[in-house]
Amino acid sequence: MKKHLGWMIRMLIAALGVGYIFYTLTWTDQVYLPPGYVVSEGISGGESGRSYPILEGLKNGYTLEPPDDGHGHGPDAGWIETSELVSTGDGPRFKPSFISILKQADGTLLLFGGLLLIPVVLLATLRWWILMRARGIDVGVGRVGRLTLAGFFFNLCMPGTTGGDVMKAYYAAKGTDQRADAVVSIGIDRLCGLIGLVLLVGFVGLLSLHDPLIRRLTIAMWCGLVTLVLNAWLYTSPTLRSRLGLGAKLSKLPGAKVLRNLDAWVSAYRRHLGSLGLAIGLSLVIHLSLASSMMLAGFALGVEQPVLYLISTIPIVLMLWSLPVSGPLGLGPMDYVAVQLIVGSSGTTDQQALMMFVVYRLYLVGVGLFGSLALLGLGAKPKAAADSATET
């Protein structure tokens, strides 16, 4: 009974998540009216801006669907000339549905952009599996793959791109006597991913130092990376830890036992530098694939930025989207900054950059749908670690 109940709960979560993903997509072409912009009585941007679905589109303008006042006595349909619409700035903007976006784009480039996410899933699975095996956690690659896919699914349905880590931590720890190591491996996996992301910006940026923005980003990334690696090395150095009396200091803090255990589990990875190096190398390839996927989506939509510029700035966009202030599918306040990064000083418009983000998110939706199926198969317990500390 318990097994069937767990399966039903997972199926409900998957169904709700899939429904929410489709709910967040824009299904109809719309026109966005900025705050204070008035088309006709009852159809305006109001105080914070508002989008109106398009009832009919003609060559010289659009008929806008009036808002429903709940009593059937709302305003008549509005009309806006195409000459009033802008692609940049604060004026009214045309917002195409994702179906319209796909119809207008280069299908071949879109296809290749989506296919690049296949190696991303495979490499992300391999990276986490390597980090778990380094700590003696004997979990099959198939289960790690399902957890990785399910993580993609939860990242789409929760703020930022960290929601999947919580789910992965729960299922990775389930059914193994090395729960703490399994949970810590997720944090180390995320750290290796961050280092790979920074390395990508740092290496590519060295080829485009003539661009002021890229030069500043490159310097910031290398400074951040050196600081991160140095602090990690100092923190895990047995000699330094002994001289500083780190263990004794942790014992004086609230929750000392938990902190000491967590400290020991993290420090243990110092003995697995080969696995960490391989994980960081895989992260570099993963983020290069992600950046290339979004870049191909941009080229399919007419984005005119050079390849090196996009490879340098797209990883920064991915960092912005990982912040928990972003909403589901990465939508949120970080989009404004991301658009400015992509547009730069080129002829690319804000609308093209936004559409590139939308198409990239549609790629992720496809992966997330597979992830919802993977979620249903997570009921089986993983095999316990063969070389667990509890074995005799």
Protein backbone atom coordinates (compact mmCIF):
# COMPACT_ATOMS: atom_id res chain seq x y z
CA MET A 1 0.00 0.00 0.00
CA LYS A 2 2.81 2.38 0.97
CA LYS A 3 4.60 1.68 -2.32
CA HIS A 4 1.47 2.45 -4.38
CA LEU A 5 0.79 5.60 -2.37
CA GLY A 6 4.34 6.85 -3.01
CA TRP A 7 3.95 6.18 -6.74
CA MET A 8 0.63 8.07 -6.80
CA ILE A 9 2.19 11.06 -5.01
CA ARG A 10 5.06 11.16 -7.51
CA MET A 11 2.61 10.92 -10.40
CA LEU A 12 0.57 13.81 -8.95
CA ILE A 13 3.71 15.94 -8.56
CA ALA A 14 4.71 15.15 -12.14
CA ALA A 15 1.24 16.00 -13.48
CA LEU A 16 1.09 19.27 -11.55
CA GLY A 17 4.58 20.20 -12.67
CA VAL A 18 3.88 19.49 -16.34
CA GLY A 19 0.65 21.46 -16.10
CA TYR A 20 2.43 24.38 -14.50
CA ILE A 21 5.13 24.38 -17.20
CA PHE A 22 2.50 24.65 -19.92
CA TYR A 23 0.60 27.26 -17.90
CA THR A 24 3.67 29.53 -17.79
CA LEU A 25 4.06 29.46 -21.59
CA THR A 26 2.50 32.21 -23.70
CA TRP A 27 -0.02 30.57 -26.05
CA THR A 28 -1.32 33.66 -27.85
CA ASP A 29 0.35 36.67 -29.46
CA GLN A 30 0.08 39.70 -27.20
CA VAL A 31 0.86 43.40 -27.06
CA TYR A 32 2.42 44.75 -23.89
CA LEU A 33 1.40 48.27 -22.86
CA PRO A 34 3.81 50.02 -20.46
CA PRO A 35 2.56 51.86 -17.35
CA GLY A 36 0.46 54.88 -18.21
CA TYR A 37 0.10 54.03 -21.92
CA VAL A 38 -3.55 54.30 -23.07
CA VAL A 39 -4.95 52.75 -26.26
CA SER A 40 -8.61 53.41 -25.54
CA GLU A 41 -10.88 53.71 -22.53
CA GLY A 42 -10.41 50.62 -20.36
CA ILE A 43 -7.42 49.34 -22.33
CA SER A 44 -4.16 50.72 -20.96
CA GLY A 45 -0.94 49.79 -19.22
CA GLY A 46 -2.33 50.87 -15.88
CA GLU A 47 0.13 51.51 -13.07
CA SER A 48 2.47 48.55 -13.65
CA GLY A 49 2.03 47.62 -17.33
CA ARG A 50 -0.23 44.96 -18.84
CA SER A 51 -0.30 42.53 -21.77
CA TYR A 52 -3.39 42.13 -24.00
CA PRO A 53 -4.06 39.13 -26.29
CA ILE A 54 -4.36 39.92 -30.02
CA LEU A 55 -7.75 39.10 -31.50
CA GLU A 56 -6.81 39.95 -35.07
CA GLY A 57 -3.56 40.99 -36.71
CA LEU A 58 -3.48 43.12 -39.85
CA LYS A 59 -0.57 44.64 -41.75
CA ASN A 60 -0.99 48.05 -40.15
CA GLY A 61 -2.06 47.10 -36.64
CA TYR A 62 -3.62 44.74 -34.09
CA THR A 63 -7.04 44.37 -32.51
CA LEU A 64 -6.61 43.84 -28.76
CA GLU A 65 -8.90 41.73 -26.62
CA PRO A 66 -10.56 43.88 -23.92
CA PRO A 67 -10.30 42.86 -20.26
CA ASP A 68 -13.28 41.10 -18.72
CA ASP A 69 -14.90 43.14 -15.97
CA GLY A 70 -16.77 40.08 -14.73
CA HIS A 71 -20.19 41.48 -15.67
CA GLY A 72 -20.04 41.40 -19.45
CA HIS A 73 -19.91 45.20 -19.71
CA GLY A 74 -16.19 45.72 -20.34
CA PRO A 75 -14.69 48.08 -22.94
CA ASP A 76 -14.79 47.44 -26.67
CA ALA A 77 -11.80 45.87 -28.38
CA GLY A 78 -8.81 48.18 -28.68
CA TRP A 79 -6.72 48.96 -31.75
CA ILE A 80 -3.02 49.79 -31.92
CA GLU A 81 -1.00 50.72 -34.98
CA THR A 82 2.15 48.70 -35.70
CA SER A 83 3.97 52.03 -36.05
CA GLU A 84 3.42 52.61 -32.32
CA LEU A 85 5.24 49.42 -31.35
CA VAL A 86 8.91 49.48 -30.36
CA SER A 87 11.54 46.75 -30.09
CA THR A 88 13.58 48.58 -27.43
CA GLY A 89 12.78 51.19 -24.82
CA ASP A 90 9.61 51.77 -22.80
CA GLY A 91 6.95 51.85 -25.52
CA PRO A 92 4.35 49.18 -26.32
CA ARG A 93 5.85 45.91 -27.55
CA PHE A 94 4.67 42.95 -29.57
CA LYS A 95 5.01 39.71 -27.57
CA PRO A 96 4.79 36.64 -29.85
CA SER A 97 3.53 33.33 -28.54
CA PHE A 98 6.04 30.49 -28.45
CA ILE A 99 4.20 28.96 -31.46
CA SER A 100 4.76 32.14 -33.47
CA ILE A 101 8.39 32.19 -32.42
CA LEU A 102 8.93 28.66 -33.68
CA LYS A 103 7.19 29.41 -36.99
CA GLN A 104 9.45 32.39 -37.69
CA ALA A 105 12.75 30.77 -36.71
CA ASP A 106 15.30 28.76 -38.72
CA GLY A 107 14.16 25.20 -38.08
CA THR A 108 17.55 23.57 -38.68
CA LEU A 109 19.36 25.76 -36.17
CA LEU A 110 16.56 25.27 -33.64
CA LEU A 111 16.82 21.49 -34.01
CA PHE A 112 20.57 21.43 -33.47
CA GLY A 113 20.21 23.77 -30.50
CA GLY A 114 17.77 21.39 -28.85
CA LEU A 115 19.89 18.31 -29.60
CA LEU A 116 22.81 19.84 -27.73
CA LEU A 117 20.92 19.29 -24.47
CA ILE A 118 21.19 15.51 -24.88
CA PRO A 119 24.94 15.39 -24.08
CA VAL A 120 24.29 17.88 -21.25
CA VAL A 121 22.06 15.36 -19.45
CA LEU A 122 24.48 12.50 -20.08
CA LEU A 123 27.53 14.45 -18.90
CA ALA A 124 25.71 15.83 -15.84
CA THR A 125 24.78 12.26 -14.93
CA LEU A 126 28.36 11.08 -15.34
CA ARG A 127 29.73 13.99 -13.28
CA TRP A 128 27.52 13.32 -10.27
CA TRP A 129 28.06 9.55 -10.52
CA ILE A 130 31.85 10.08 -10.42
CA LEU A 131 31.58 12.27 -7.31
CA MET A 132 29.39 9.72 -5.51
CA ARG A 133 31.63 6.80 -6.47
CA ALA A 134 34.62 8.74 -5.10
CA ARG A 135 32.98 8.50 -1.66
CA GLY A 136 32.11 4.81 -2.07
CA ILE A 137 28.40 5.35 -2.77
CA ASP A 138 27.47 2.45 -5.03
CA VAL A 139 24.52 3.86 -6.97
CA GLY A 140 23.85 2.69 -10.52
CA VAL A 141 24.29 5.07 -13.44
CA GLY A 142 20.65 4.47 -14.44
CA ARG A 143 19.33 5.75 -11.12
CA VAL A 144 21.69 8.72 -11.18
CA GLY A 145 20.40 9.51 -14.68
CA ARG A 146 16.78 9.42 -13.50
CA LEU A 147 17.63 11.69 -10.58
CA THR A 148 19.41 14.11 -12.92
CA LEU A 149 16.43 14.25 -15.28
CA ALA A 150 14.02 14.67 -12.39
CA GLY A 151 16.25 17.49 -11.13
CA PHE A 152 15.86 19.27 -14.47
CA PHE A 153 12.09 18.91 -14.08
CA PHE A 154 12.02 20.47 -10.59
CA ASN A 155 14.34 23.28 -11.70
CA LEU A 156 11.62 24.35 -14.14
CA CYS A 157 8.87 24.37 -11.52
CA MET A 158 10.64 26.10 -8.64
CA PRO A 159 12.33 29.52 -8.17
CA GLY A 160 15.85 29.78 -9.54
CA THR A 161 17.57 26.63 -10.80
CA THR A 162 18.26 25.05 -7.42
CA GLY A 163 14.92 23.37 -6.72
CA GLY A 164 16.12 20.15 -8.33
CA ASP A 165 18.98 19.89 -5.84
CA VAL A 166 16.53 19.54 -2.93
CA MET A 167 14.69 16.73 -4.67
CA LYS A 168 17.96 15.01 -5.67
CA ALA A 169 19.23 15.22 -2.09
CA TYR A 170 16.10 13.48 -0.82
CA TYR A 171 16.14 10.61 -3.30
CA ALA A 172 19.93 10.23 -3.32
CA ALA A 173 19.94 9.74 0.44
CA LYS A 174 16.95 7.39 0.37
CA GLY A 175 17.85 3.73 0.73
CA THR A 176 21.57 4.16 1.49
CA ASP A 177 23.48 4.17 4.77
CA GLN A 178 25.71 6.98 3.46
CA ARG A 179 23.02 9.63 3.37
CA ALA A 180 25.26 12.49 4.43
CA ASP A 181 27.86 11.69 1.78
CA ALA A 182 25.10 11.47 -0.84
CA VAL A 183 23.74 14.90 0.12
CA VAL A 184 27.20 16.49 0.29
CA SER A 185 27.99 15.08 -3.17
CA ILE A 186 25.20 17.27 -4.56
CA GLY A 187 26.77 20.38 -3.07
CA ILE A 188 30.18 19.39 -4.47
CA ASP A 189 28.53 18.66 -7.83
CA ARG A 190 27.02 22.16 -7.83
CA LEU A 191 30.40 23.68 -6.86
CA CYS A 192 32.17 21.84 -9.71
CA GLY A 193 29.49 23.14 -12.07
CA LEU A 194 30.08 26.70 -10.89
CA ILE A 195 33.84 26.39 -11.34
CA GLY A 196 33.32 25.00 -14.85
CA LEU A 197 31.04 27.93 -15.66
CA VAL A 198 33.61 30.45 -14.44
CA LEU A 199 36.39 28.69 -16.36
CA LEU A 200 34.38 28.87 -19.57
CA VAL A 201 33.93 32.64 -19.23
CA GLY A 202 37.56 33.05 -18.24
CA PHE A 203 39.03 31.04 -21.14
CA VAL A 204 36.76 32.43 -23.86
CA GLY A 205 37.11 35.95 -22.50
CA LEU A 206 40.87 35.83 -23.08
CA LEU A 207 40.12 35.70 -26.83
CA SER A 208 37.96 38.85 -26.74
CA LEU A 209 39.78 41.24 -24.41
CA HIS A 210 39.32 44.05 -26.94
CA ASP A 211 35.64 44.24 -25.91
CA PRO A 212 35.35 46.38 -22.72
CA LEU A 213 32.45 44.35 -21.28
CA ILE A 214 34.11 40.99 -21.96
CA ARG A 215 37.38 42.30 -20.50
CA ARG A 216 35.68 43.29 -17.25
CA LEU A 217 33.82 39.98 -17.04
CA THR A 218 37.00 38.01 -17.71
CA ILE A 219 38.96 39.81 -15.00
CA ALA A 220 36.10 39.32 -12.52
CA MET A 221 35.80 35.62 -13.34
CA TRP A 222 39.52 34.89 -12.94
CA CYS A 223 39.70 36.85 -9.69
CA GLY A 224 36.66 35.00 -8.37
CA LEU A 225 38.03 31.62 -9.43
CA VAL A 226 41.44 32.20 -7.82
CA THR A 227 39.74 33.34 -4.61
CA LEU A 228 37.43 30.31 -4.57
CA VAL A 229 40.18 27.75 -5.20
CA LEU A 230 42.53 29.36 -2.70
CA ASN A 231 39.88 29.41 0.03
CA ALA A 232 38.92 25.79 -0.68
CA TRP A 233 42.56 24.71 -0.50
CA LEU A 234 43.14 26.60 2.75
CA TYR A 235 39.93 25.29 4.28
CA THR A 236 40.78 21.65 3.57
CA SER A 237 44.51 21.91 4.38
CA PRO A 238 45.21 19.54 7.33
CA THR A 239 48.20 21.61 8.45
CA LEU A 240 46.33 24.91 8.44
CA ARG A 241 43.25 23.37 10.06
CA SER A 242 45.42 21.98 12.86
CA ARG A 243 47.20 25.29 13.48
CA LEU A 244 43.95 27.24 13.51
CA GLY A 245 42.26 24.70 15.76
CA LEU A 246 39.26 24.62 13.43
CA GLY A 247 37.81 21.49 15.05
CA ALA A 248 37.84 23.06 18.49
CA LYS A 249 36.22 26.24 17.19
CA LEU A 250 33.43 24.29 15.50
CA SER A 251 32.75 22.49 18.80
CA LYS A 252 31.84 25.82 20.40
CA LEU A 253 29.20 26.72 17.82
CA PRO A 254 25.46 25.83 18.03
CA GLY A 255 24.79 22.47 16.37
CA ALA A 256 28.46 21.53 16.80
CA LYS A 257 27.97 17.82 16.04
CA VAL A 258 26.24 18.52 12.73
CA LEU A 259 28.85 21.12 11.77
CA ARG A 260 31.76 18.79 12.60
CA ASN A 261 30.24 15.99 10.55
CA LEU A 262 29.52 18.29 7.61
CA ASP A 263 33.06 19.67 7.85
CA ALA A 264 34.51 16.15 7.74
CA TRP A 265 32.38 15.09 4.75
CA VAL A 266 33.35 18.17 2.72
CA SER A 267 37.04 17.94 3.66
CA ALA A 268 37.10 14.28 2.61
CA TYR A 269 36.96 15.33 -1.04
CA ARG A 270 40.53 16.64 -0.72
CA ARG A 271 41.55 12.97 -1.05
CA HIS A 272 39.75 12.74 -4.41
CA LEU A 273 41.39 15.50 -6.43
CA GLY A 274 41.35 13.33 -9.57
CA SER A 275 37.57 12.93 -9.38
CA LEU A 276 37.14 16.64 -8.68
CA GLY A 277 39.31 17.57 -11.64
CA LEU A 278 37.35 15.26 -13.94
CA ALA A 279 34.05 16.68 -12.64
CA ILE A 280 35.23 20.23 -13.32
CA GLY A 281 36.34 19.23 -16.83
CA LEU A 282 32.92 17.73 -17.51
CA SER A 283 31.32 20.93 -16.17
CA LEU A 284 33.30 22.96 -18.68
CA VAL A 285 31.92 20.85 -21.54
CA ILE A 286 28.39 20.94 -20.08
CA HIS A 287 28.28 24.73 -19.92
CA LEU A 288 29.85 25.06 -23.35
CA SER A 289 27.01 22.87 -24.67
CA LEU A 290 24.38 24.92 -22.83
CA ALA A 291 25.83 28.18 -24.12
CA SER A 292 26.00 26.76 -27.66
CA SER A 293 22.38 25.60 -27.41
CA MET A 294 21.17 29.09 -26.47
CA MET A 295 23.48 30.65 -29.06
CA LEU A 296 22.02 28.52 -31.88
CA ALA A 297 18.54 29.51 -30.71
CA GLY A 298 19.63 33.14 -30.98
CA PHE A 299 21.09 32.70 -34.46
CA ALA A 300 17.85 31.00 -35.54
CA LEU A 301 16.00 34.15 -34.47
CA GLY A 302 18.37 36.63 -36.12
CA VAL A 303 20.63 37.57 -33.20
CA GLU A 304 23.72 39.21 -34.72
CA GLN A 305 26.30 39.02 -31.93
CA PRO A 306 29.67 37.26 -32.65
CA VAL A 307 30.14 33.69 -31.42
CA LEU A 308 32.87 34.56 -28.91
CA TYR A 309 30.78 37.36 -27.43
CA LEU A 310 27.79 35.08 -26.88
CA ILE A 311 29.90 32.24 -25.47
CA SER A 312 31.34 34.75 -22.99
CA THR A 313 28.07 36.39 -21.92
CA ILE A 314 25.57 33.50 -22.00
CA PRO A 315 27.25 31.75 -19.01
CA ILE A 316 26.71 34.98 -17.05
CA VAL A 317 23.03 34.80 -18.01
CA LEU A 318 22.93 31.21 -16.71
CA MET A 319 24.45 32.41 -13.43
CA LEU A 320 21.79 35.11 -13.12
CA TRP A 321 19.03 32.58 -13.70
CA SER A 322 20.38 30.31 -10.97
CA LEU A 323 19.59 32.95 -8.35
CA PRO A 324 16.48 32.14 -6.27
CA VAL A 325 15.02 35.59 -7.10
CA SER A 326 14.15 34.21 -10.54
CA GLY A 327 10.81 32.52 -10.97
CA PRO A 328 9.91 29.24 -12.69
CA LEU A 329 11.58 28.72 -16.09
CA GLY A 330 14.08 31.43 -15.09
CA LEU A 331 11.51 34.20 -15.60
CA GLY A 332 11.97 37.17 -13.34
CA PRO A 333 13.84 40.40 -12.66
CA MET A 334 17.16 38.95 -13.85
CA ASP A 335 15.82 38.89 -17.42
CA TYR A 336 16.32 42.64 -17.77
CA VAL A 337 20.02 42.38 -16.93
CA ALA A 338 20.36 39.29 -19.14
CA VAL A 339 18.84 41.11 -22.12
CA GLN A 340 21.27 44.01 -21.75
CA LEU A 341 24.21 41.59 -21.66
CA ILE A 342 23.13 39.86 -24.87
CA VAL A 343 22.23 43.04 -26.76
CA GLY A 344 25.42 44.91 -25.85
CA SER A 345 26.28 47.47 -28.53
CA SER A 346 25.12 45.37 -31.49
CA GLY A 347 22.08 45.71 -33.70
CA THR A 348 20.34 42.90 -31.81
CA THR A 349 17.03 44.05 -30.33
CA ASP A 350 15.66 43.45 -26.84
CA GLN A 351 12.87 41.41 -28.41
CA GLN A 352 15.30 39.08 -30.20
CA ALA A 353 17.20 38.50 -26.96
CA LEU A 354 13.98 37.75 -25.07
CA MET A 355 12.81 35.36 -27.79
CA MET A 356 16.18 33.59 -27.61
CA PHE A 357 15.60 33.06 -23.89
CA VAL A 358 12.07 31.77 -24.56
CA VAL A 359 13.27 29.21 -27.13
CA TYR A 360 16.05 28.05 -24.80
CA ARG A 361 13.47 27.58 -22.05
CA LEU A 362 11.36 25.54 -24.44
CA TYR A 363 14.36 23.24 -24.85
CA LEU A 364 14.44 22.89 -21.08
CA VAL A 365 10.70 22.19 -21.05
CA GLY A 366 11.35 19.23 -23.35
CA VAL A 367 14.00 17.91 -20.97
CA GLY A 368 11.70 18.61 -18.04
CA LEU A 369 8.92 16.54 -19.57
CA PHE A 370 11.28 13.57 -19.76
CA GLY A 371 12.23 14.41 -16.19
CA SER A 372 8.60 14.07 -15.10
CA LEU A 373 8.65 10.50 -16.44
CA ALA A 374 11.94 9.86 -14.64
CA LEU A 375 10.32 11.05 -11.41
CA LEU A 376 7.81 8.21 -11.61
CA GLY A 377 10.62 5.63 -11.68
CA LEU A 378 12.37 6.76 -8.50
CA GLY A 379 10.54 4.47 -6.12
CA ALA A 380 13.09 1.68 -6.14
CA LYS A 381 15.80 1.90 -3.52
CA PRO A 382 19.38 2.15 -4.71
CA LYS A 383 21.84 -0.60 -3.95
CA ALA A 384 23.69 0.01 -0.73
CA ALA A 385 27.33 0.96 -0.88
CA ALA A 386 29.52 -2.12 -1.34
CA ASP A 387 32.39 -0.65 0.62
CA SER A 388 30.29 1.09 3.24
CA ALA A 389 31.84 1.76 6.61
CA THR A 390 29.24 -0.51 8.22
CA GLU A 391 30.44 -3.59 6.33
CA THR A 392 32.73 -6.06 8.04
